[in-house]
N, C-alpha and C. Protein backbone atom coordinates (compact mmCIF):
# COMPACT_ATOMS: atom_id res chain seq x y z
N MET A 1 4.24 36.78 19.62
CA MET A 1 3.70 36.24 18.39
C MET A 1 4.79 35.69 17.49
N ALA A 2 5.94 36.36 17.43
CA ALA A 2 7.03 35.91 16.56
C ALA A 2 7.58 34.58 17.04
N ALA A 3 7.62 34.38 18.35
CA ALA A 3 8.14 33.11 18.89
C ALA A 3 7.23 31.96 18.49
N ILE A 4 5.95 32.19 18.49
CA ILE A 4 5.00 31.13 18.11
C ILE A 4 5.18 30.80 16.63
N ALA A 5 5.38 31.80 15.79
CA ALA A 5 5.59 31.55 14.37
C ALA A 5 6.87 30.77 14.13
N ILE A 6 7.91 31.08 14.90
CA ILE A 6 9.18 30.35 14.77
C ILE A 6 9.00 28.90 15.20
N LEU A 7 8.29 28.68 16.31
CA LEU A 7 8.04 27.32 16.77
C LEU A 7 7.22 26.53 15.76
N GLU A 8 6.25 27.18 15.15
CA GLU A 8 5.44 26.51 14.14
C GLU A 8 6.27 26.13 12.93
N LYS A 9 7.17 27.03 12.49
CA LYS A 9 8.03 26.72 11.35
C LYS A 9 9.00 25.60 11.68
N ILE A 10 9.54 25.59 12.90
CA ILE A 10 10.44 24.51 13.32
C ILE A 10 9.70 23.18 13.32
N LYS A 11 8.49 23.20 13.86
CA LYS A 11 7.69 21.96 13.89
C LYS A 11 7.40 21.47 12.49
N THR A 12 7.01 22.37 11.60
CA THR A 12 6.64 21.99 10.25
C THR A 12 7.85 21.56 9.42
N ALA A 13 8.96 22.29 9.55
CA ALA A 13 10.11 22.03 8.70
C ALA A 13 11.06 20.96 9.24
N ILE A 14 11.11 20.78 10.56
CA ILE A 14 12.10 19.87 11.12
C ILE A 14 11.45 18.69 11.85
N VAL A 15 10.60 18.97 12.82
CA VAL A 15 10.09 17.92 13.70
C VAL A 15 9.19 16.94 12.94
N ASP A 16 8.23 17.42 12.17
CA ASP A 16 7.32 16.53 11.47
C ASP A 16 8.04 15.59 10.48
N PRO A 17 8.96 16.09 9.64
CA PRO A 17 9.68 15.16 8.75
C PRO A 17 10.56 14.16 9.50
N VAL A 18 11.18 14.58 10.59
CA VAL A 18 12.02 13.66 11.35
C VAL A 18 11.17 12.56 11.98
N ILE A 19 10.02 12.92 12.54
CA ILE A 19 9.13 11.93 13.13
C ILE A 19 8.65 10.96 12.05
N THR A 20 8.28 11.47 10.89
CA THR A 20 7.82 10.61 9.80
C THR A 20 8.91 9.66 9.35
N PHE A 21 10.13 10.18 9.21
CA PHE A 21 11.26 9.34 8.79
C PHE A 21 11.54 8.24 9.82
N LEU A 22 11.58 8.61 11.09
CA LEU A 22 11.86 7.62 12.13
C LEU A 22 10.75 6.59 12.25
N PHE A 23 9.50 7.01 12.05
CA PHE A 23 8.40 6.06 12.05
C PHE A 23 8.55 5.08 10.90
N ALA A 24 8.89 5.58 9.72
CA ALA A 24 9.08 4.71 8.56
C ALA A 24 10.24 3.74 8.81
N LEU A 25 11.30 4.23 9.43
CA LEU A 25 12.44 3.38 9.75
C LEU A 25 12.04 2.28 10.73
N ALA A 26 11.26 2.61 11.75
CA ALA A 26 10.79 1.60 12.71
C ALA A 26 9.87 0.60 12.03
N LEU A 27 9.05 1.06 11.10
CA LEU A 27 8.16 0.16 10.37
C LEU A 27 8.96 -0.82 9.50
N VAL A 28 9.97 -0.32 8.83
CA VAL A 28 10.83 -1.19 8.02
C VAL A 28 11.54 -2.22 8.90
N TYR A 29 12.03 -1.79 10.06
CA TYR A 29 12.69 -2.69 11.00
C TYR A 29 11.71 -3.77 11.48
N PHE A 30 10.48 -3.38 11.77
CA PHE A 30 9.44 -4.32 12.17
C PHE A 30 9.17 -5.33 11.06
N LEU A 31 8.99 -4.85 9.84
CA LEU A 31 8.71 -5.74 8.71
C LEU A 31 9.89 -6.66 8.42
N TYR A 32 11.10 -6.16 8.61
CA TYR A 32 12.29 -7.00 8.46
C TYR A 32 12.27 -8.12 9.49
N GLY A 33 11.87 -7.82 10.71
CA GLY A 33 11.75 -8.84 11.75
C GLY A 33 10.72 -9.89 11.40
N VAL A 34 9.59 -9.46 10.85
CA VAL A 34 8.54 -10.41 10.43
C VAL A 34 9.08 -11.31 9.32
N PHE A 35 9.75 -10.70 8.34
CA PHE A 35 10.33 -11.47 7.24
C PHE A 35 11.36 -12.46 7.76
N GLU A 36 12.21 -12.01 8.67
CA GLU A 36 13.23 -12.88 9.24
C GLU A 36 12.61 -14.02 10.04
N LEU A 37 11.56 -13.74 10.77
CA LEU A 37 10.87 -14.76 11.55
C LEU A 37 10.26 -15.82 10.65
N ILE A 38 9.63 -15.40 9.56
CA ILE A 38 8.98 -16.35 8.64
C ILE A 38 10.04 -17.13 7.85
N ARG A 39 11.06 -16.45 7.39
CA ARG A 39 12.08 -17.08 6.56
C ARG A 39 12.86 -18.14 7.33
N ASN A 40 13.13 -17.89 8.59
CA ASN A 40 13.94 -18.81 9.41
C ASN A 40 13.09 -19.50 10.46
N ALA A 41 11.95 -20.02 10.05
CA ALA A 41 11.03 -20.65 11.00
C ALA A 41 11.61 -21.91 11.63
N ASP A 42 12.58 -22.52 10.98
CA ASP A 42 13.13 -23.76 11.50
C ASP A 42 14.27 -23.56 12.50
N SER A 43 14.83 -22.37 12.58
CA SER A 43 15.96 -22.10 13.47
C SER A 43 15.49 -21.29 14.69
N GLU A 44 15.72 -21.85 15.86
CA GLU A 44 15.30 -21.19 17.11
C GLU A 44 16.03 -19.86 17.30
N GLU A 45 17.33 -19.86 17.02
CA GLU A 45 18.15 -18.63 17.20
C GLU A 45 17.67 -17.52 16.26
N ALA A 46 17.41 -17.85 15.00
CA ALA A 46 16.95 -16.86 14.02
C ALA A 46 15.55 -16.35 14.36
N ARG A 47 14.70 -17.25 14.85
CA ARG A 47 13.35 -16.81 15.26
C ARG A 47 13.43 -15.84 16.42
N LYS A 48 14.33 -16.10 17.35
CA LYS A 48 14.50 -15.21 18.49
C LYS A 48 14.98 -13.83 18.03
N THR A 49 15.90 -13.81 17.07
CA THR A 49 16.38 -12.54 16.52
C THR A 49 15.25 -11.81 15.80
N GLY A 50 14.45 -12.53 15.03
CA GLY A 50 13.30 -11.92 14.34
C GLY A 50 12.30 -11.35 15.33
N GLN A 51 12.06 -12.08 16.41
CA GLN A 51 11.13 -11.59 17.44
C GLN A 51 11.67 -10.32 18.09
N GLN A 52 12.97 -10.25 18.33
CA GLN A 52 13.56 -9.05 18.90
C GLN A 52 13.41 -7.86 17.96
N HIS A 53 13.59 -8.09 16.66
CA HIS A 53 13.40 -7.01 15.68
C HIS A 53 11.95 -6.52 15.68
N ILE A 54 11.03 -7.46 15.78
CA ILE A 54 9.61 -7.10 15.81
C ILE A 54 9.31 -6.28 17.06
N ILE A 55 9.79 -6.72 18.20
CA ILE A 55 9.54 -5.99 19.45
C ILE A 55 10.12 -4.59 19.39
N TRP A 56 11.36 -4.45 18.95
CA TRP A 56 11.98 -3.12 18.90
C TRP A 56 11.33 -2.24 17.84
N GLY A 57 10.85 -2.83 16.75
CA GLY A 57 10.12 -2.05 15.76
C GLY A 57 8.82 -1.50 16.32
N VAL A 58 8.10 -2.32 17.07
CA VAL A 58 6.85 -1.87 17.69
C VAL A 58 7.14 -0.79 18.73
N ILE A 59 8.19 -0.98 19.52
CA ILE A 59 8.56 0.03 20.52
C ILE A 59 8.90 1.35 19.83
N GLY A 60 9.66 1.29 18.74
CA GLY A 60 10.01 2.49 18.00
C GLY A 60 8.80 3.21 17.44
N MET A 61 7.86 2.45 16.87
CA MET A 61 6.65 3.07 16.34
C MET A 61 5.81 3.68 17.46
N PHE A 62 5.75 3.00 18.60
CA PHE A 62 5.01 3.53 19.75
C PHE A 62 5.63 4.85 20.22
N ILE A 63 6.95 4.92 20.27
CA ILE A 63 7.61 6.15 20.70
C ILE A 63 7.32 7.28 19.73
N MET A 64 7.36 7.02 18.44
CA MET A 64 7.10 8.07 17.45
C MET A 64 5.65 8.55 17.53
N ILE A 65 4.71 7.64 17.69
CA ILE A 65 3.31 8.03 17.81
C ILE A 65 3.10 8.83 19.10
N SER A 66 3.74 8.39 20.18
CA SER A 66 3.63 9.12 21.45
C SER A 66 4.21 10.52 21.34
N PHE A 67 5.36 10.65 20.69
CA PHE A 67 5.99 11.96 20.53
C PHE A 67 5.10 12.87 19.70
N TYR A 68 4.53 12.33 18.63
CA TYR A 68 3.62 13.13 17.81
C TYR A 68 2.41 13.58 18.62
N GLY A 69 1.87 12.70 19.44
CA GLY A 69 0.74 13.06 20.30
C GLY A 69 1.09 14.12 21.32
N ILE A 70 2.28 14.00 21.92
CA ILE A 70 2.73 15.01 22.88
C ILE A 70 2.90 16.36 22.20
N MET A 71 3.48 16.37 21.00
CA MET A 71 3.63 17.62 20.26
C MET A 71 2.26 18.22 19.93
N HIS A 72 1.32 17.39 19.60
CA HIS A 72 -0.03 17.86 19.29
C HIS A 72 -0.68 18.49 20.53
N VAL A 73 -0.51 17.87 21.68
CA VAL A 73 -1.06 18.41 22.92
C VAL A 73 -0.40 19.75 23.26
N ILE A 74 0.91 19.82 23.10
CA ILE A 74 1.63 21.08 23.39
C ILE A 74 1.16 22.18 22.46
N CYS A 75 1.02 21.88 21.18
CA CYS A 75 0.58 22.89 20.22
C CYS A 75 -0.84 23.35 20.49
N ASN A 76 -1.69 22.46 20.97
CA ASN A 76 -3.06 22.86 21.26
C ASN A 76 -3.17 23.54 22.62
N THR A 77 -2.19 23.39 23.48
CA THR A 77 -2.21 24.02 24.80
C THR A 77 -1.78 25.47 24.73
N ILE A 78 -0.82 25.78 23.87
CA ILE A 78 -0.34 27.15 23.72
C ILE A 78 -1.38 27.94 22.95
N PRO A 79 -1.94 28.97 23.56
CA PRO A 79 -2.97 29.75 22.87
C PRO A 79 -2.39 30.48 21.65
N GLY A 80 -3.06 30.35 20.55
CA GLY A 80 -2.65 31.04 19.33
C GLY A 80 -1.56 30.35 18.55
N ALA A 81 -1.12 29.18 18.99
CA ALA A 81 -0.03 28.50 18.29
C ALA A 81 -0.53 27.97 16.96
N GLY A 82 -1.66 27.29 16.96
CA GLY A 82 -2.23 26.78 15.72
C GLY A 82 -1.36 25.80 14.99
N CYS A 83 -0.56 25.04 15.69
CA CYS A 83 0.32 24.05 15.03
C CYS A 83 -0.55 23.05 14.36
């Protein structure tokens, strides 16, 4: 029982804020790519850079959502965890 309480505290105090921060960071990176794409619509090189930022931002957000989902499945699989 004590191990489950420790895991729950670690998840609440460390994992959840880190996931939220990284998701926000990926969202900002994505929005920066959109801004860069719109601002430099006349330059092929700048549009390509903006598209890369958008792609990597989406990949980052997908990874954070997937990690959160995996953590949710793990917490619901362990009996009595109640994460």
